[in-house]
Amino acid sequence: MSELQQFLHAAEHAATLDLLSAVVDAVPKEWWLTRLRLVPGHSVWVEGYADGPQGLTQMLQSLQREPSVRAAELTSMDPVPDWTNPWRQFSAWMTVVNEQP
C-alpha cells in the first residue's frame, strides 16, 4: 500500500488515497476482492466475496466512520451458486469527501 501511495501521491488525490487505505483496512483478510476500481477524486468500487451479511454490514459501518468517506453503499449481495456456506458475492461503492475546499 505504501508503494502505491508513493507512486500516486499528489495533494489533489490525498482524500482518494485515504479512502483506498480505508477500504483495504476494512476488508477482512479472509475475503476475496476480485475487482477494485479507483476513480481519482471521486470514488472506489470493489467487488468480491464475503463470509456473510454480518461481515458486509461491519465493513460498511467501518467505512462510514472514516473521515475520507462521504458515502458507502452496498450495491449487491448474492449467494454464491453451488456453495453450501454463507459466502456472498458482493459489490460496494464508496465516494470520496470533496477534495476541493
PDB file of N, CA and C in Angstrom:
ATOM      1  N   MET A   1       0.826  -1.183   0.000  1.00  0.00           N
ATOM      2  CA  MET A   1       0.000   0.000   0.000  1.00  0.00           C
ATOM      3  C   MET A   1       0.872   1.250   0.000  1.00  0.00           C
ATOM      4  N   SER A   2       1.942   1.244   0.780  1.00  0.00           N
ATOM      5  CA  SER A   2       2.786   2.438   0.844  1.00  0.00           C
ATOM      6  C   SER A   2       3.463   2.718  -0.497  1.00  0.00           C
ATOM      7  N   GLU A   3       3.816   1.664  -1.238  1.00  0.00           N
ATOM      8  CA  GLU A   3       4.416   1.873  -2.560  1.00  0.00           C
ATOM      9  C   GLU A   3       3.412   2.531  -3.506  1.00  0.00           C
ATOM     10  N   LEU A   4       2.168   2.094  -3.434  1.00  0.00           N
ATOM     11  CA  LEU A   4       1.128   2.702  -4.263  1.00  0.00           C
ATOM     12  C   LEU A   4       0.933   4.162  -3.887  1.00  0.00           C
ATOM     13  N   GLN A   5       0.934   4.449  -2.593  1.00  0.00           N
ATOM     14  CA  GLN A   5       0.779   5.832  -2.152  1.00  0.00           C
ATOM     15  C   GLN A   5       1.927   6.695  -2.661  1.00  0.00           C
ATOM     16  N   GLN A   6       3.149   6.191  -2.595  1.00  0.00           N
ATOM     17  CA  GLN A   6       4.293   6.965  -3.075  1.00  0.00           C
ATOM     18  C   GLN A   6       4.187   7.217  -4.569  1.00  0.00           C
ATOM     19  N   PHE A   7       3.726   6.232  -5.316  1.00  0.00           N
ATOM     20  CA  PHE A   7       3.624   6.352  -6.761  1.00  0.00           C
ATOM     21  C   PHE A   7       2.535   7.347  -7.164  1.00  0.00           C
ATOM     22  N   LEU A   8       1.398   7.299  -6.492  1.00  0.00           N
ATOM     23  CA  LEU A   8       0.254   8.112  -6.889  1.00  0.00           C
ATOM     24  C   LEU A   8       0.107   9.418  -6.132  1.00  0.00           C
ATOM     25  N   HIS A   9       0.878   9.586  -5.076  1.00  0.00           N
ATOM     26  CA  HIS A   9       0.618  10.701  -4.169  1.00  0.00           C
ATOM     27  C   HIS A   9       0.776  12.063  -4.852  1.00  0.00           C
ATOM     28  N   ALA A  10      -0.252  12.822  -4.693  1.00  0.00           N
ATOM     29  CA  ALA A  10      -0.270  14.226  -5.085  1.00  0.00           C
ATOM     30  C   ALA A  10      -1.303  14.864  -4.172  1.00  0.00           C
ATOM     31  N   ALA A  11      -1.118  16.098  -3.841  1.00  0.00           N
ATOM     32  CA  ALA A  11      -2.012  16.766  -2.892  1.00  0.00           C
ATOM     33  C   ALA A  11      -3.474  16.680  -3.319  1.00  0.00           C
ATOM     34  N   GLU A  12      -3.733  16.770  -4.617  1.00  0.00           N
ATOM     35  CA  GLU A  12      -5.122  16.756  -5.072  1.00  0.00           C
ATOM     36  C   GLU A  12      -5.777  15.380  -4.954  1.00  0.00           C
ATOM     37  N   HIS A  13      -4.994  14.332  -4.701  1.00  0.00           N
ATOM     38  CA  HIS A  13      -5.550  12.983  -4.574  1.00  0.00           C
ATOM     39  C   HIS A  13      -5.448  12.434  -3.157  1.00  0.00           C
ATOM     40  N   ALA A  14      -5.150  13.263  -2.182  1.00  0.00           N
ATOM     41  CA  ALA A  14      -4.957  12.790  -0.811  1.00  0.00           C
ATOM     42  C   ALA A  14      -6.211  12.103  -0.268  1.00  0.00           C
ATOM     43  N   ALA A  15      -7.383  12.669  -0.485  1.00  0.00           N
ATOM     44  CA  ALA A  15      -8.617  12.062   0.030  1.00  0.00           C
ATOM     45  C   ALA A  15      -8.911  10.733  -0.659  1.00  0.00           C
ATOM     46  N   THR A  16      -8.604  10.630  -1.946  1.00  0.00           N
ATOM     47  CA  THR A  16      -8.806   9.372  -2.659  1.00  0.00           C
ATOM     48  C   THR A  16      -7.907   8.292  -2.088  1.00  0.00           C
ATOM     49  N   LEU A  17      -6.653   8.622  -1.821  1.00  0.00           N
ATOM     50  CA  LEU A  17      -5.735   7.651  -1.229  1.00  0.00           C
ATOM     51  C   LEU A  17      -6.168   7.268   0.175  1.00  0.00           C
ATOM     52  N   ASP A  18      -6.682   8.223   0.938  1.00  0.00           N
ATOM     53  CA  ASP A  18      -7.203   7.911   2.270  1.00  0.00           C
ATOM     54  C   ASP A  18      -8.375   6.938   2.176  1.00  0.00           C
ATOM     55  N   LEU A  19      -9.257   7.147   1.202  1.00  0.00           N
ATOM     56  CA  LEU A  19     -10.390   6.252   1.006  1.00  0.00           C
ATOM     57  C   LEU A  19      -9.911   4.858   0.616  1.00  0.00           C
ATOM     58  N   LEU A  20      -8.968   4.773  -0.293  1.00  0.00           N
ATOM     59  CA  LEU A  20      -8.431   3.485  -0.707  1.00  0.00           C
ATOM     60  C   LEU A  20      -7.820   2.754   0.483  1.00  0.00           C
ATOM     61  N   SER A  21      -7.071   3.454   1.313  1.00  0.00           N
ATOM     62  CA  SER A  21      -6.491   2.853   2.517  1.00  0.00           C
ATOM     63  C   SER A  21      -7.582   2.365   3.459  1.00  0.00           C
ATOM     64  N   ALA A  22      -8.644   3.146   3.614  1.00  0.00           N
ATOM     65  CA  ALA A  22      -9.752   2.758   4.492  1.00  0.00           C
ATOM     66  C   ALA A  22     -10.431   1.491   3.983  1.00  0.00           C
ATOM     67  N   VAL A  23     -10.606   1.380   2.672  1.00  0.00           N
ATOM     68  CA  VAL A  23     -11.221   0.183   2.088  1.00  0.00           C
ATOM     69  C   VAL A  23     -10.348  -1.032   2.355  1.00  0.00           C
ATOM     70  N   VAL A  24      -9.055  -0.911   2.097  1.00  0.00           N
ATOM     71  CA  VAL A  24      -8.134  -2.028   2.316  1.00  0.00           C
ATOM     72  C   VAL A  24      -8.150  -2.449   3.783  1.00  0.00           C
ATOM     73  N   ASP A  25      -8.167  -1.495   4.695  1.00  0.00           N
ATOM     74  CA  ASP A  25      -8.189  -1.802   6.126  1.00  0.00           C
ATOM     75  C   ASP A  25      -9.509  -2.428   6.568  1.00  0.00           C
ATOM     76  N   ALA A  26     -10.614  -2.081   5.923  1.00  0.00           N
ATOM     77  CA  ALA A  26     -11.937  -2.557   6.339  1.00  0.00           C
ATOM     78  C   ALA A  26     -12.265  -3.959   5.839  1.00  0.00           C
ATOM     79  N   VAL A  27     -11.557  -4.433   4.829  1.00  0.00           N
ATOM     80  CA  VAL A  27     -11.859  -5.741   4.252  1.00  0.00           C
ATOM     81  C   VAL A  27     -11.062  -6.816   4.995  1.00  0.00           C
ATOM     82  N   PRO A  28     -11.751  -7.775   5.633  1.00  0.00           N
ATOM     83  CA  PRO A  28     -11.043  -8.845   6.342  1.00  0.00           C
ATOM     84  C   PRO A  28     -10.138  -9.654   5.420  1.00  0.00           C
ATOM     85  N   LYS A  29      -9.065 -10.181   5.980  1.00  0.00           N
ATOM     86  CA  LYS A  29      -8.066 -10.918   5.196  1.00  0.00           C
ATOM     87  C   LYS A  29      -8.635 -12.146   4.501  1.00  0.00           C
ATOM     88  N   GLU A  30      -9.653 -12.772   5.118  1.00  0.00           N
ATOM     89  CA  GLU A  30     -10.165 -13.997   4.515  1.00  0.00           C
ATOM     90  C   GLU A  30     -11.118 -13.762   3.349  1.00  0.00           C
ATOM     91  N   TRP A  31     -11.507 -12.536   3.110  1.00  0.00           N
ATOM     92  CA  TRP A  31     -12.366 -12.228   1.970  1.00  0.00           C
ATOM     93  C   TRP A  31     -11.538 -12.180   0.691  1.00  0.00           C
ATOM     94  N   TRP A  32     -12.201 -12.329  -0.429  1.00  0.00           N
ATOM     95  CA  TRP A  32     -11.544 -12.233  -1.728  1.00  0.00           C
ATOM     96  C   TRP A  32     -12.044 -10.990  -2.433  1.00  0.00           C
ATOM     97  N   LEU A  33     -11.141 -10.121  -2.798  1.00  0.00           N
ATOM     98  CA  LEU A  33     -11.505  -8.989  -3.652  1.00  0.00           C
ATOM     99  C   LEU A  33     -11.148  -9.375  -5.077  1.00  0.00           C
ATOM    100  N   THR A  34     -12.111  -9.302  -5.956  1.00  0.00           N
ATOM    101  CA  THR A  34     -11.876  -9.687  -7.345  1.00  0.00           C
ATOM    102  C   THR A  34     -11.705  -8.485  -8.260  1.00  0.00           C
ATOM    103  N   ARG A  35     -12.180  -7.332  -7.810  1.00  0.00           N
ATOM    104  CA  ARG A  35     -12.046  -6.124  -8.628  1.00  0.00           C
ATOM    105  C   ARG A  35     -12.016  -4.908  -7.713  1.00  0.00           C
ATOM    106  N   LEU A  36     -11.145  -3.997  -8.034  1.00  0.00           N
ATOM    107  CA  LEU A  36     -11.040  -2.724  -7.318  1.00  0.00           C
ATOM    108  C   LEU A  36     -10.868  -1.652  -8.376  1.00  0.00           C
ATOM    109  N   ARG A  37     -11.805  -0.725  -8.431  1.00  0.00           N
ATOM    110  CA  ARG A  37     -11.739   0.344  -9.434  1.00  0.00           C
ATOM    111  C   ARG A  37     -11.660   1.675  -8.705  1.00  0.00           C
ATOM    112  N   LEU A  38     -10.664   2.437  -9.028  1.00  0.00           N
ATOM    113  CA  LEU A  38     -10.419   3.727  -8.399  1.00  0.00           C
ATOM    114  C   LEU A  38     -10.671   4.832  -9.414  1.00  0.00           C
ATOM    115  N   VAL A  39     -11.535   5.764  -9.063  1.00  0.00           N
ATOM    116  CA  VAL A  39     -11.780   6.949  -9.882  1.00  0.00           C
ATOM    117  C   VAL A  39     -11.242   8.128  -9.074  1.00  0.00           C
ATOM    118  N   PRO A  40     -10.008   8.582  -9.366  1.00  0.00           N
ATOM    119  CA  PRO A  40      -9.374   9.623  -8.547  1.00  0.00           C
ATOM    120  C   PRO A  40     -10.271  10.837  -8.348  1.00  0.00           C
ATOM    121  N   GLY A  41     -10.347  11.260  -7.101  1.00  0.00           N
ATOM    122  CA  GLY A  41     -11.142  12.425  -6.761  1.00  0.00           C
ATOM    123  C   GLY A  41     -12.625  12.162  -6.648  1.00  0.00           C
ATOM    124  N   HIS A  42     -13.032  10.911  -6.887  1.00  0.00           N
ATOM    125  CA  HIS A  42     -14.473  10.640  -6.874  1.00  0.00           C
ATOM    126  C   HIS A  42     -14.874   9.411  -6.063  1.00  0.00           C
ATOM    127  N   SER A  43     -14.392   8.215  -6.447  1.00  0.00           N
ATOM    128  CA  SER A  43     -14.944   7.022  -5.815  1.00  0.00           C
ATOM    129  C   SER A  43     -14.023   5.812  -5.917  1.00  0.00           C
ATOM    130  N   VAL A  44     -14.394   4.796  -5.140  1.00  0.00           N
ATOM    131  CA  VAL A  44     -13.762   3.480  -5.193  1.00  0.00           C
ATOM    132  C   VAL A  44     -14.889   2.458  -5.298  1.00  0.00           C
ATOM    133  N   TRP A  45     -14.735   1.521  -6.213  1.00  0.00           N
ATOM    134  CA  TRP A  45     -15.705   0.454  -6.422  1.00  0.00           C
ATOM    135  C   TRP A  45     -14.991  -0.854  -6.138  1.00  0.00           C
ATOM    136  N   VAL A  46     -15.587  -1.727  -5.312  1.00  0.00           N
ATOM    137  CA  VAL A  46     -14.986  -3.026  -5.019  1.00  0.00           C
ATOM    138  C   VAL A  46     -15.998  -4.129  -5.297  1.00  0.00           C
ATOM    139  N   GLU A  47     -15.480  -5.263  -5.743  1.00  0.00           N
ATOM    140  CA  GLU A  47     -16.273  -6.473  -5.913  1.00  0.00           C
ATOM    141  C   GLU A  47     -15.490  -7.610  -5.294  1.00  0.00           C
ATOM    142  N   GLY A  48     -16.200  -8.589  -4.765  1.00  0.00           N
ATOM    143  CA  GLY A  48     -15.510  -9.721  -4.182  1.00  0.00           C
ATOM    144  C   GLY A  48     -16.459 -10.688  -3.515  1.00  0.00           C
ATOM    145  N   TYR A  49     -15.888 -11.484  -2.602  1.00  0.00           N
ATOM    146  CA  TYR A  49     -16.634 -12.494  -1.870  1.00  0.00           C
ATOM    147  C   TYR A  49     -16.452 -12.253  -0.383  1.00  0.00           C
ATOM    148  N   ALA A  50     -17.571 -12.271   0.346  1.00  0.00           N
ATOM    149  CA  ALA A  50     -17.563 -12.033   1.786  1.00  0.00           C
ATOM    150  C   ALA A  50     -18.190 -13.230   2.489  1.00  0.00           C
ATOM    151  N   ASP A  51     -17.846 -13.389   3.762  1.00  0.00           N
ATOM    152  CA  ASP A  51     -18.322 -14.556   4.503  1.00  0.00           C
ATOM    153  C   ASP A  51     -19.702 -14.375   5.121  1.00  0.00           C
ATOM    154  N   GLY A  52     -20.498 -13.491   4.587  1.00  0.00           N
ATOM    155  CA  GLY A  52     -21.875 -13.352   5.044  1.00  0.00           C
ATOM    156  C   GLY A  52     -22.303 -11.917   5.237  1.00  0.00           C
ATOM    157  N   PRO A  53     -23.602 -11.713   5.419  1.00  0.00           N
ATOM    158  CA  PRO A  53     -24.150 -10.360   5.544  1.00  0.00           C
ATOM    159  C   PRO A  53     -23.619  -9.578   6.744  1.00  0.00           C
ATOM    160  N   GLN A  54     -23.364 -10.261   7.864  1.00  0.00           N
ATOM    161  CA  GLN A  54     -22.886  -9.543   9.046  1.00  0.00           C
ATOM    162  C   GLN A  54     -21.540  -8.881   8.784  1.00  0.00           C
ATOM    163  N   GLY A  55     -20.655  -9.580   8.117  1.00  0.00           N
ATOM    164  CA  GLY A  55     -19.346  -9.014   7.797  1.00  0.00           C
ATOM    165  C   GLY A  55     -19.452  -7.813   6.870  1.00  0.00           C
ATOM    166  N   LEU A  56     -20.361  -7.882   5.913  1.00  0.00           N
ATOM    167  CA  LEU A  56     -20.562  -6.753   4.998  1.00  0.00           C
ATOM    168  C   LEU A  56     -21.112  -5.547   5.741  1.00  0.00           C
ATOM    169  N   THR A  57     -22.021  -5.789   6.666  1.00  0.00           N
ATOM    170  CA  THR A  57     -22.563  -4.693   7.475  1.00  0.00           C
ATOM    171  C   THR A  57     -21.456  -4.035   8.284  1.00  0.00           C
ATOM    172  N   GLN A  58     -20.602  -4.847   8.895  1.00  0.00           N
ATOM    173  CA  GLN A  58     -19.493  -4.307   9.685  1.00  0.00           C
ATOM    174  C   GLN A  58     -18.528  -3.510   8.819  1.00  0.00           C
ATOM    175  N   MET A  59     -18.242  -4.013   7.606  1.00  0.00           N
ATOM    176  CA  MET A  59     -17.341  -3.300   6.706  1.00  0.00           C
ATOM    177  C   MET A  59     -17.919  -1.929   6.357  1.00  0.00           C
ATOM    178  N   LEU A  60     -19.194  -1.879   5.991  1.00  0.00           N
ATOM    179  CA  LEU A  60     -19.816  -0.605   5.622  1.00  0.00           C
ATOM    180  C   LEU A  60     -19.860   0.362   6.799  1.00  0.00           C
ATOM    181  N   GLN A  61     -20.175  -0.137   7.986  1.00  0.00           N
ATOM    182  CA  GLN A  61     -20.197   0.731   9.162  1.00  0.00           C
ATOM    183  C   GLN A  61     -18.813   1.291   9.454  1.00  0.00           C
ATOM    184  N   SER A  62     -17.798   0.470   9.295  1.00  0.00           N
ATOM    185  CA  SER A  62     -16.421   0.925   9.497  1.00  0.00           C
ATOM    186  C   SER A  62     -16.061   2.016   8.492  1.00  0.00           C
ATOM    187  N   LEU A  63     -16.432   1.820   7.238  1.00  0.00           N
ATOM    188  CA  LEU A  63     -16.123   2.811   6.207  1.00  0.00           C
ATOM    189  C   LEU A  63     -16.904   4.106   6.417  1.00  0.00           C
ATOM    190  N   GLN A  64     -18.129   4.007   6.886  1.00  0.00           N
ATOM    191  CA  GLN A  64     -18.935   5.209   7.104  1.00  0.00           C
ATOM    192  C   GLN A  64     -18.370   6.087   8.220  1.00  0.00           C
ATOM    193  N   ARG A  65     -17.567   5.504   9.100  1.00  0.00           N
ATOM    194  CA  ARG A  65     -16.932   6.281  10.172  1.00  0.00           C
ATOM    195  C   ARG A  65     -15.648   6.976   9.716  1.00  0.00           C
ATOM    196  N   GLU A  66     -15.140   6.615   8.559  1.00  0.00           N
ATOM    197  CA  GLU A  66     -13.889   7.189   8.062  1.00  0.00           C
ATOM    198  C   GLU A  66     -14.106   8.625   7.586  1.00  0.00           C
ATOM    199  N   PRO A  67     -13.207   9.552   7.970  1.00  0.00           N
ATOM    200  CA  PRO A  67     -13.364  10.945   7.547  1.00  0.00           C
ATOM    201  C   PRO A  67     -13.256  11.148   6.035  1.00  0.00           C
ATOM    202  N   SER A  68     -12.572  10.255   5.330  1.00  0.00           N
ATOM    203  CA  SER A  68     -12.401  10.415   3.883  1.00  0.00           C
ATOM    204  C   SER A  68     -13.595   9.900   3.085  1.00  0.00           C
ATOM    205  N   VAL A  69     -14.558   9.262   3.749  1.00  0.00           N
ATOM    206  CA  VAL A  69     -15.694   8.652   3.061  1.00  0.00           C
ATOM    207  C   VAL A  69     -16.930   9.542   3.176  1.00  0.00           C
ATOM    208  N   ARG A  70     -17.455   9.963   2.037  1.00  0.00           N
ATOM    209  CA  ARG A  70     -18.700  10.730   2.030  1.00  0.00           C
ATOM    210  C   ARG A  70     -19.888   9.775   2.072  1.00  0.00           C
ATOM    211  N   ALA A  71     -19.814   8.672   1.339  1.00  0.00           N
ATOM    212  CA  ALA A  71     -20.900   7.694   1.310  1.00  0.00           C
ATOM    213  C   ALA A  71     -20.323   6.312   1.044  1.00  0.00           C
ATOM    214  N   ALA A  72     -20.929   5.306   1.646  1.00  0.00           N
ATOM    215  CA  ALA A  72     -20.561   3.912   1.399  1.00  0.00           C
ATOM    216  C   ALA A  72     -21.856   3.140   1.192  1.00  0.00           C
ATOM    217  N   GLU A  73     -21.938   2.432   0.086  1.00  0.00           N
ATOM    218  CA  GLU A  73     -23.188   1.768  -0.276  1.00  0.00           C
ATOM    219  C   GLU A  73     -22.907   0.362  -0.785  1.00  0.00           C
ATOM    220  N   LEU A  74     -23.616  -0.601  -0.244  1.00  0.00           N
ATOM    221  CA  LEU A  74     -23.573  -1.961  -0.752  1.00  0.00           C
ATOM    222  C   LEU A  74     -24.499  -2.008  -1.959  1.00  0.00           C
ATOM    223  N   THR A  75     -23.969  -2.325  -3.129  1.00  0.00           N
ATOM    224  CA  THR A  75     -24.790  -2.294  -4.340  1.00  0.00           C
ATOM    225  C   THR A  75     -25.322  -3.661  -4.735  1.00  0.00           C
ATOM    226  N   SER A  76     -24.692  -4.735  -4.261  1.00  0.00           N
ATOM    227  CA  SER A  76     -25.237  -6.068  -4.500  1.00  0.00           C
ATOM    228  C   SER A  76     -24.681  -7.039  -3.470  1.00  0.00           C
ATOM    229  N   MET A  77     -25.484  -8.064  -3.169  1.00  0.00           N
ATOM    230  CA  MET A  77     -25.064  -9.143  -2.285  1.00  0.00           C
ATOM    231  C   MET A  77     -25.867 -10.370  -2.689  1.00  0.00           C
ATOM    232  N   ASP A  78     -25.204 -11.342  -3.273  1.00  0.00           N
ATOM    233  CA  ASP A  78     -25.890 -12.518  -3.789  1.00  0.00           C
ATOM    234  C   ASP A  78     -25.237 -13.783  -3.259  1.00  0.00           C
ATOM    235  N   PRO A  79     -26.042 -14.824  -2.978  1.00  0.00           N
ATOM    236  CA  PRO A  79     -25.455 -16.108  -2.604  1.00  0.00           C
ATOM    237  C   PRO A  79     -24.575 -16.616  -3.745  1.00  0.00           C
ATOM    238  N   VAL A  80     -23.540 -17.333  -3.387  1.00  0.00           N
ATOM    239  CA  VAL A  80     -22.652 -17.899  -4.400  1.00  0.00           C
ATOM    240  C   VAL A  80     -23.247 -19.240  -4.834  1.00  0.00           C
ATOM    241  N   PRO A  81     -23.585 -19.392  -6.115  1.00  0.00           N
ATOM    242  CA  PRO A  81     -24.175 -20.649  -6.584  1.00  0.00           C
ATOM    243  C   PRO A  81     -23.259 -21.840  -6.298  1.00  0.00           C
ATOM    244  N   ASP A  82     -23.862 -22.938  -5.915  1.00  0.00           N
ATOM    245  CA  ASP A  82     -23.160 -24.203  -5.673  1.00  0.00           C
ATOM    246  C   ASP A  82     -22.272 -24.191  -4.435  1.00  0.00           C
ATOM    247  N   TRP A  83     -22.333 -23.152  -3.631  1.00  0.00           N
ATOM    248  CA  TRP A  83     -21.594 -23.133  -2.365  1.00  0.00           C
ATOM    249  C   TRP A  83     -22.605 -23.356  -1.258  1.00  0.00           C
ATOM    250  N   THR A  84     -22.290 -24.203  -0.301  1.00  0.00           N
ATOM    251  CA  THR A  84     -23.235 -24.516   0.772  1.00  0.00           C
ATOM    252  C   THR A  84     -22.933 -23.749   2.054  1.00  0.00           C
ATOM    253  N   ASN A  85     -22.108 -22.756   1.982  1.00  0.00           N
ATOM    254  CA  ASN A  85     -21.769 -21.964   3.168  1.00  0.00           C
ATOM    255  C   ASN A  85     -22.354 -20.554   3.026  1.00  0.00           C
ATOM    256  N   PRO A  86     -22.155 -19.698   4.021  1.00  0.00           N
ATOM    257  CA  PRO A  86     -22.791 -18.371   3.980  1.00  0.00           C
ATOM    258  C   PRO A  86     -22.102 -17.335   3.090  1.00  0.00           C
ATOM    259  N   TRP A  87     -21.111 -17.703   2.309  1.00  0.00           N
ATOM    260  CA  TRP A  87     -20.393 -16.728   1.489  1.00  0.00           C
ATOM    261  C   TRP A  87     -21.328 -16.032   0.513  1.00  0.00           C
ATOM    262  N   ARG A  88     -21.041 -14.750   0.297  1.00  0.00           N
ATOM    263  CA  ARG A  88     -21.833 -13.930  -0.615  1.00  0.00           C
ATOM    264  C   ARG A  88     -20.908 -13.200  -1.581  1.00  0.00           C
ATOM    265  N   GLN A  89     -21.337 -13.106  -2.824  1.00  0.00           N
ATOM    266  CA  GLN A  89     -20.645 -12.269  -3.790  1.00  0.00           C
ATOM    267  C   GLN A  89     -21.223 -10.871  -3.621  1.00  0.00           C
ATOM    268  N   PHE A  90     -20.354  -9.868  -3.550  1.00  0.00           N
ATOM    269  CA  PHE A  90     -20.846  -8.522  -3.270  1.00  0.00           C
ATOM    270  C   PHE A  90     -20.150  -7.492  -4.140  1.00  0.00           C
ATOM    271  N   SER A  91     -20.765  -6.328  -4.210  1.00  0.00           N
ATOM    272  CA  SER A  91     -20.106  -5.149  -4.766  1.00  0.00           C
ATOM    273  C   SER A  91     -20.496  -3.975  -3.879  1.00  0.00           C
ATOM    274  N   ALA A  92     -19.595  -3.031  -3.769  1.00  0.00           N
ATOM    275  CA  ALA A  92     -19.836  -1.855  -2.932  1.00  0.00           C
ATOM    276  C   ALA A  92     -19.179  -0.652  -3.588  1.00  0.00           C
ATOM    277  N   TRP A  93     -19.735   0.506  -3.315  1.00  0.00           N
ATOM    278  CA  TRP A  93     -19.268   1.757  -3.908  1.00  0.00           C
ATOM    279  C   TRP A  93     -19.093   2.770  -2.798  1.00  0.00           C
ATOM    280  N   MET A  94     -17.952   3.422  -2.754  1.00  0.00           N
ATOM    281  CA  MET A  94     -17.653   4.451  -1.775  1.00  0.00           C
ATOM    282  C   MET A  94     -17.262   5.725  -2.502  1.00  0.00           C
ATOM    283  N   THR A  95     -17.785   6.851  -2.060  1.00  0.00           N
ATOM    284  CA  THR A  95     -17.403   8.127  -2.658  1.00  0.00           C
ATOM    285  C   THR A  95     -16.531   8.904  -1.689  1.00  0.00           C
ATOM    286  N   VAL A  96     -15.667   9.701  -2.269  1.00  0.00           N
ATOM    287  CA  VAL A  96     -14.668  10.469  -1.534  1.00  0.00           C
ATOM    288  C   VAL A  96     -15.272  11.775  -1.036  1.00  0.00           C
ATOM    289  N   VAL A  97     -14.844  12.178   0.149  1.00  0.00           N
ATOM    290  CA  VAL A  97     -15.184  13.517   0.623  1.00  0.00           C
ATOM    291  C   VAL A  97     -14.595  14.490  -0.382  1.00  0.00           C
ATOM    292  N   ASN A  98     -15.313  15.537  -0.713  1.00  0.00           N
ATOM    293  CA  ASN A  98     -14.865  16.520  -1.705  1.00  0.00           C
ATOM    294  C   ASN A  98     -13.448  16.982  -1.394  1.00  0.00           C
ATOM    295  N   GLU A  99     -12.558  16.822  -2.362  1.00  0.00           N
ATOM    296  CA  GLU A  99     -11.152  17.169  -2.156  1.00  0.00           C
ATOM    297  C   GLU A  99     -10.881  18.651  -2.326  1.00  0.00           C
ATOM    298  N   GLN A 100     -11.777  19.362  -2.950  1.00  0.00           N
ATOM    299  CA  GLN A 100     -11.586  20.800  -3.134  1.00  0.00           C
ATOM    300  C   GLN A 100     -12.311  21.547  -2.026  1.00  0.00           C
ATOM    301  N   PRO A 101     -11.661  22.531  -1.368  1.00  0.00           N
ATOM    302  CA  PRO A 101     -12.328  23.259  -0.281  1.00  0.00           C
ATOM    303  C   PRO A 101     -13.509  24.081  -0.775  1.00  0.00           C
TER     304      PRO A 101
END
